[in-house]
């Protein structure tokens, strides 16, 4: 089993990106993030409940609390 695994990994070559390819992928990633954020913003604007600032503050606090950003869990 270990020999077969080694031969499979030996055949797969690691592809390394040059500087131009890294910059191109970074630009594509940034545009993807911007388009995602714009779409999310448009969806949020269409929900009437999310136009209430107090509700947004409370919702944000609840999300941060439940995700553990506001509190530390003991080990």
C-alpha atoms as a PDB file:
ATOM      1  CA  UNK A   1       0.000   0.000   0.000  1.00  0.00           C
ATOM      2  CA  UNK A   2       2.737   2.454   0.932  1.00  0.00           C
ATOM      3  CA  UNK A   3       4.649   1.650  -2.245  1.00  0.00           C
ATOM      4  CA  UNK A   4       1.589   2.328  -4.412  1.00  0.00           C
ATOM      5  CA  UNK A   5       0.971   5.591  -2.594  1.00  0.00           C
ATOM      6  CA  UNK A   6       4.569   6.655  -3.121  1.00  0.00           C
ATOM      7  CA  UNK A   7       4.429   5.917  -6.850  1.00  0.00           C
ATOM      8  CA  UNK A   8       1.239   7.962  -7.274  1.00  0.00           C
ATOM      9  CA  UNK A   9       2.740  10.923  -5.438  1.00  0.00           C
ATOM     10  CA  UNK A  10       5.949  10.560  -7.407  1.00  0.00           C
ATOM     11  CA  UNK A  11       4.047  10.943 -10.707  1.00  0.00           C
ATOM     12  CA  UNK A  12       2.239  14.110  -9.666  1.00  0.00           C
ATOM     13  CA  UNK A  13       4.418  17.140 -10.291  1.00  0.00           C
ATOM     14  CA  UNK A  14       4.092  20.267  -8.202  1.00  0.00           C
ATOM     15  CA  UNK A  15       3.154  23.221 -10.348  1.00  0.00           C
ATOM     16  CA  UNK A  16       4.761  26.466  -9.266  1.00  0.00           C
ATOM     17  CA  UNK A  17       3.427  29.830 -10.408  1.00  0.00           C
ATOM     18  CA  UNK A  18       5.684  32.528 -11.722  1.00  0.00           C
ATOM     19  CA  UNK A  19       5.295  36.168 -10.650  1.00  0.00           C
ATOM     20  CA  UNK A  20       2.989  37.161 -13.539  1.00  0.00           C
ATOM     21  CA  UNK A  21       0.651  34.237 -12.886  1.00  0.00           C
ATOM     22  CA  UNK A  22       0.500  35.049  -9.169  1.00  0.00           C
ATOM     23  CA  UNK A  23      -0.374  38.691  -9.884  1.00  0.00           C
ATOM     24  CA  UNK A  24      -3.027  37.651 -12.413  1.00  0.00           C
ATOM     25  CA  UNK A  25      -4.617  35.209  -9.962  1.00  0.00           C
ATOM     26  CA  UNK A  26      -4.547  37.843  -7.221  1.00  0.00           C
ATOM     27  CA  UNK A  27      -6.315  40.355  -9.484  1.00  0.00           C
ATOM     28  CA  UNK A  28      -8.946  37.762 -10.435  1.00  0.00           C
ATOM     29  CA  UNK A  29      -9.437  36.932  -6.740  1.00  0.00           C
ATOM     30  CA  UNK A  30      -9.861  40.600  -5.817  1.00  0.00           C
ATOM     31  CA  UNK A  31     -12.439  41.110  -8.559  1.00  0.00           C
ATOM     32  CA  UNK A  32     -14.269  37.997  -7.396  1.00  0.00           C
ATOM     33  CA  UNK A  33     -14.351  39.300  -3.840  1.00  0.00           C
ATOM     34  CA  UNK A  34     -15.597  42.721  -4.971  1.00  0.00           C
ATOM     35  CA  UNK A  35     -18.370  41.189  -7.088  1.00  0.00           C
ATOM     36  CA  UNK A  36     -19.384  38.896  -4.236  1.00  0.00           C
ATOM     37  CA  UNK A  37     -19.490  41.830  -1.809  1.00  0.00           C
ATOM     38  CA  UNK A  38     -21.530  43.945  -4.240  1.00  0.00           C
ATOM     39  CA  UNK A  39     -24.031  41.131  -4.734  1.00  0.00           C
ATOM     40  CA  UNK A  40     -24.301  40.578  -0.999  1.00  0.00           C
ATOM     41  CA  UNK A  41     -24.860  44.297  -0.467  1.00  0.00           C
ATOM     42  CA  UNK A  42     -27.643  44.337  -3.063  1.00  0.00           C
ATOM     43  CA  UNK A  43     -29.349  41.391  -1.402  1.00  0.00           C
ATOM     44  CA  UNK A  44     -29.075  43.049   2.014  1.00  0.00           C
ATOM     45  CA  UNK A  45     -30.593  46.274   0.664  1.00  0.00           C
ATOM     46  CA  UNK A  46     -33.644  44.390  -0.591  1.00  0.00           C
ATOM     47  CA  UNK A  47     -34.498  42.938   2.859  1.00  0.00           C
ATOM     48  CA  UNK A  48     -36.612  45.521   4.755  1.00  0.00           C
ATOM     49  CA  UNK A  49     -35.662  44.267   8.234  1.00  0.00           C
ATOM     50  CA  UNK A  50     -31.985  44.938   7.517  1.00  0.00           C
ATOM     51  CA  UNK A  51     -32.632  48.673   7.073  1.00  0.00           C
ATOM     52  CA  UNK A  52     -33.026  49.044  10.853  1.00  0.00           C
ATOM     53  CA  UNK A  53     -29.657  50.052  12.354  1.00  0.00           C
ATOM     54  CA  UNK A  54     -30.458  48.827  15.867  1.00  0.00           C
ATOM     55  CA  UNK A  55     -31.409  45.411  14.520  1.00  0.00           C
ATOM     56  CA  UNK A  56     -28.125  45.269  12.576  1.00  0.00           C
ATOM     57  CA  UNK A  57     -26.097  46.103  15.689  1.00  0.00           C
ATOM     58  CA  UNK A  58     -27.872  43.400  17.711  1.00  0.00           C
ATOM     59  CA  UNK A  59     -27.555  40.864  14.894  1.00  0.00           C
ATOM     60  CA  UNK A  60     -23.850  41.629  14.563  1.00  0.00           C
ATOM     61  CA  UNK A  61     -23.299  41.194  18.298  1.00  0.00           C
ATOM     62  CA  UNK A  62     -25.173  37.892  18.306  1.00  0.00           C
ATOM     63  CA  UNK A  63     -23.150  36.612  15.349  1.00  0.00           C
ATOM     64  CA  UNK A  64     -19.850  37.649  16.937  1.00  0.00           C
ATOM     65  CA  UNK A  65     -20.844  36.128  20.264  1.00  0.00           C
ATOM     66  CA  UNK A  66     -21.887  32.804  18.763  1.00  0.00           C
ATOM     67  CA  UNK A  67     -18.827  32.581  16.547  1.00  0.00           C
ATOM     68  CA  UNK A  68     -16.530  33.101  19.518  1.00  0.00           C
ATOM     69  CA  UNK A  69     -15.082  36.463  18.512  1.00  0.00           C
ATOM     70  CA  UNK A  70     -16.474  38.219  21.553  1.00  0.00           C
ATOM     71  CA  UNK A  71     -15.773  35.511  24.143  1.00  0.00           C
ATOM     72  CA  UNK A  72     -12.969  33.059  24.808  1.00  0.00           C
ATOM     73  CA  UNK A  73     -13.752  29.441  25.331  1.00  0.00           C
ATOM     74  CA  UNK A  74     -11.772  27.704  28.053  1.00  0.00           C
ATOM     75  CA  UNK A  75      -9.912  24.564  27.091  1.00  0.00           C
END
